[in-house]
Amino acid sequence: MMQFESKTIGAKVEILNRDGYEGVPVTLDFTAVTETENGRKIVKAGTPIGATGVVDNTATVKGILFWDVYEDRPIGTILKKAYINTAKAQAHSGVTILAEAKAALPMVVFE
């Protein structure tokens, strides 16, 4: 008998305003994450991420999370060069991206 596990995954959220982006892979650290979706910890697209894979809304931010990432598969992509729809990114992530974080990402355009 074959066993399988079914998981419900939400639809992709598009935080880009225009085509053309560059991203790098990152393994997220879920130690301090409290937000859950369907019983799993989640970091949402549009969240600023630091070098150690944690949420970092400061001048040491390394990129903006491209897609939602769940704890059971903690590998995601952070955008280093992109045109971000700021309103969508902030609404989806629940994080108001601070001016100092925006200034630390000179190749990310917040529109």
Protein backbone atom coordinates (compact mmCIF):
# COMPACT_ATOMS: atom_id res chain seq x y z
CA MET A 1 0.00 0.00 0.00
CA MET A 2 1.33 3.44 -0.95
CA GLN A 3 1.09 6.31 1.49
CA PHE A 4 1.12 9.99 0.68
CA GLU A 5 0.68 13.27 2.44
CA SER A 6 -1.43 16.09 1.06
CA LYS A 7 -0.59 19.74 1.84
CA THR A 8 -2.53 22.83 0.95
CA ILE A 9 -0.31 25.56 -0.47
CA GLY A 10 -1.57 29.09 -1.04
CA ALA A 11 -1.39 30.77 -4.42
CA LYS A 12 1.78 32.60 -5.42
CA VAL A 13 1.82 36.27 -4.57
CA GLU A 14 3.36 38.54 -7.18
CA ILE A 15 5.36 41.29 -5.49
CA LEU A 16 7.20 42.43 -8.62
CA ASN A 17 5.98 45.53 -10.39
CA ARG A 18 7.88 44.86 -13.62
CA ASP A 19 9.87 42.10 -15.30
CA GLY A 20 13.56 41.72 -14.71
CA TYR A 21 15.01 40.62 -11.40
CA GLU A 22 18.04 38.92 -9.88
CA GLY A 23 17.87 36.79 -6.80
CA VAL A 24 20.05 34.49 -4.73
CA PRO A 25 19.11 31.40 -2.72
CA VAL A 26 18.84 31.61 1.04
CA THR A 27 18.03 29.13 3.79
CA LEU A 28 15.69 30.80 6.25
CA ASP A 29 16.08 30.49 10.01
CA PHE A 30 12.64 29.87 11.54
CA THR A 31 13.76 30.04 15.19
CA ALA A 32 12.00 33.36 15.90
CA VAL A 33 9.11 32.93 13.42
CA THR A 34 5.68 32.82 15.03
CA GLU A 35 3.35 33.25 12.04
CA THR A 36 1.72 30.04 10.84
CA GLU A 37 -0.45 28.99 7.93
CA ASN A 38 -2.21 25.61 7.92
CA GLY A 39 -0.22 24.65 11.03
CA ARG A 40 3.19 25.37 9.47
CA LYS A 41 5.52 28.29 10.19
CA ILE A 42 5.77 30.69 7.25
CA VAL A 43 7.79 33.73 6.17
CA LYS A 44 5.85 35.60 3.50
CA ALA A 45 6.94 37.11 0.21
CA GLY A 46 7.90 40.77 0.54
CA THR A 47 9.68 40.28 3.87
CA PRO A 48 13.17 41.82 4.18
CA ILE A 49 15.76 39.12 4.97
CA GLY A 50 19.26 39.42 6.43
CA ALA A 51 22.47 37.47 5.80
CA THR A 52 21.67 34.82 8.42
CA GLY A 53 18.24 34.05 6.96
CA VAL A 54 16.18 35.92 9.52
CA VAL A 55 13.75 38.80 9.10
CA ASP A 56 15.89 41.96 9.03
CA ASN A 57 14.15 45.30 8.46
CA THR A 58 17.32 47.34 9.10
CA ALA A 59 20.35 48.72 7.25
CA THR A 60 21.89 45.21 7.28
CA VAL A 61 19.15 43.64 5.12
CA LYS A 62 20.42 41.53 2.18
CA GLY A 63 17.27 41.21 0.06
CA ILE A 64 13.48 40.88 -0.17
CA LEU A 65 11.91 37.42 -0.03
CA PHE A 66 10.50 36.52 -3.45
CA TRP A 67 8.00 33.77 -2.53
CA ASP A 68 6.38 32.45 0.65
CA VAL A 69 8.67 29.96 2.44
CA TYR A 70 7.55 27.29 4.89
CA GLU A 71 9.59 25.78 7.74
CA ASP A 72 9.44 22.25 6.33
CA ARG A 73 11.18 23.51 3.14
CA PRO A 74 13.20 26.53 4.33
CA ILE A 75 14.96 27.37 1.07
CA GLY A 76 13.86 30.54 -0.67
CA THR A 77 15.08 33.32 -2.93
CA ILE A 78 15.88 36.86 -1.91
CA LEU A 79 15.72 39.59 -4.52
CA LYS A 80 18.91 41.63 -4.86
CA LYS A 81 17.84 43.51 -8.01
CA ALA A 82 14.16 44.06 -8.76
CA TYR A 83 11.23 46.41 -9.17
CA ILE A 84 9.06 45.77 -6.10
CA ASN A 85 5.40 46.71 -5.82
CA THR A 86 5.82 48.13 -2.32
CA ALA A 87 2.11 48.16 -1.44
CA LYS A 88 1.65 44.48 -2.39
CA ALA A 89 4.87 43.39 -0.67
CA GLN A 90 4.04 45.18 2.57
CA ALA A 91 0.39 44.09 2.57
CA HIS A 92 1.25 40.43 2.01
CA SER A 93 4.22 40.23 4.39
CA GLY A 94 2.71 42.42 7.09
CA VAL A 95 6.04 44.26 7.29
CA THR A 96 6.37 47.97 6.61
CA ILE A 97 9.76 48.16 4.93
CA LEU A 98 11.76 50.88 6.67
CA ALA A 99 13.66 53.61 4.82
CA GLU A 100 16.99 52.30 6.16
CA ALA A 101 16.27 48.84 4.73
CA LYS A 102 15.33 50.33 1.36
CA ALA A 103 18.54 52.39 1.34
CA ALA A 104 20.59 49.22 2.01
CA LEU A 105 19.24 47.70 -1.23
CA PRO A 106 20.35 50.17 -3.92
CA MET A 107 19.48 47.82 -6.81
CA VAL A 108 15.94 47.19 -5.57
CA VAL A 109 13.45 49.81 -6.73
CA PHE A 110 10.45 50.20 -4.44
CA GLU A 111 7.53 51.52 -6.50
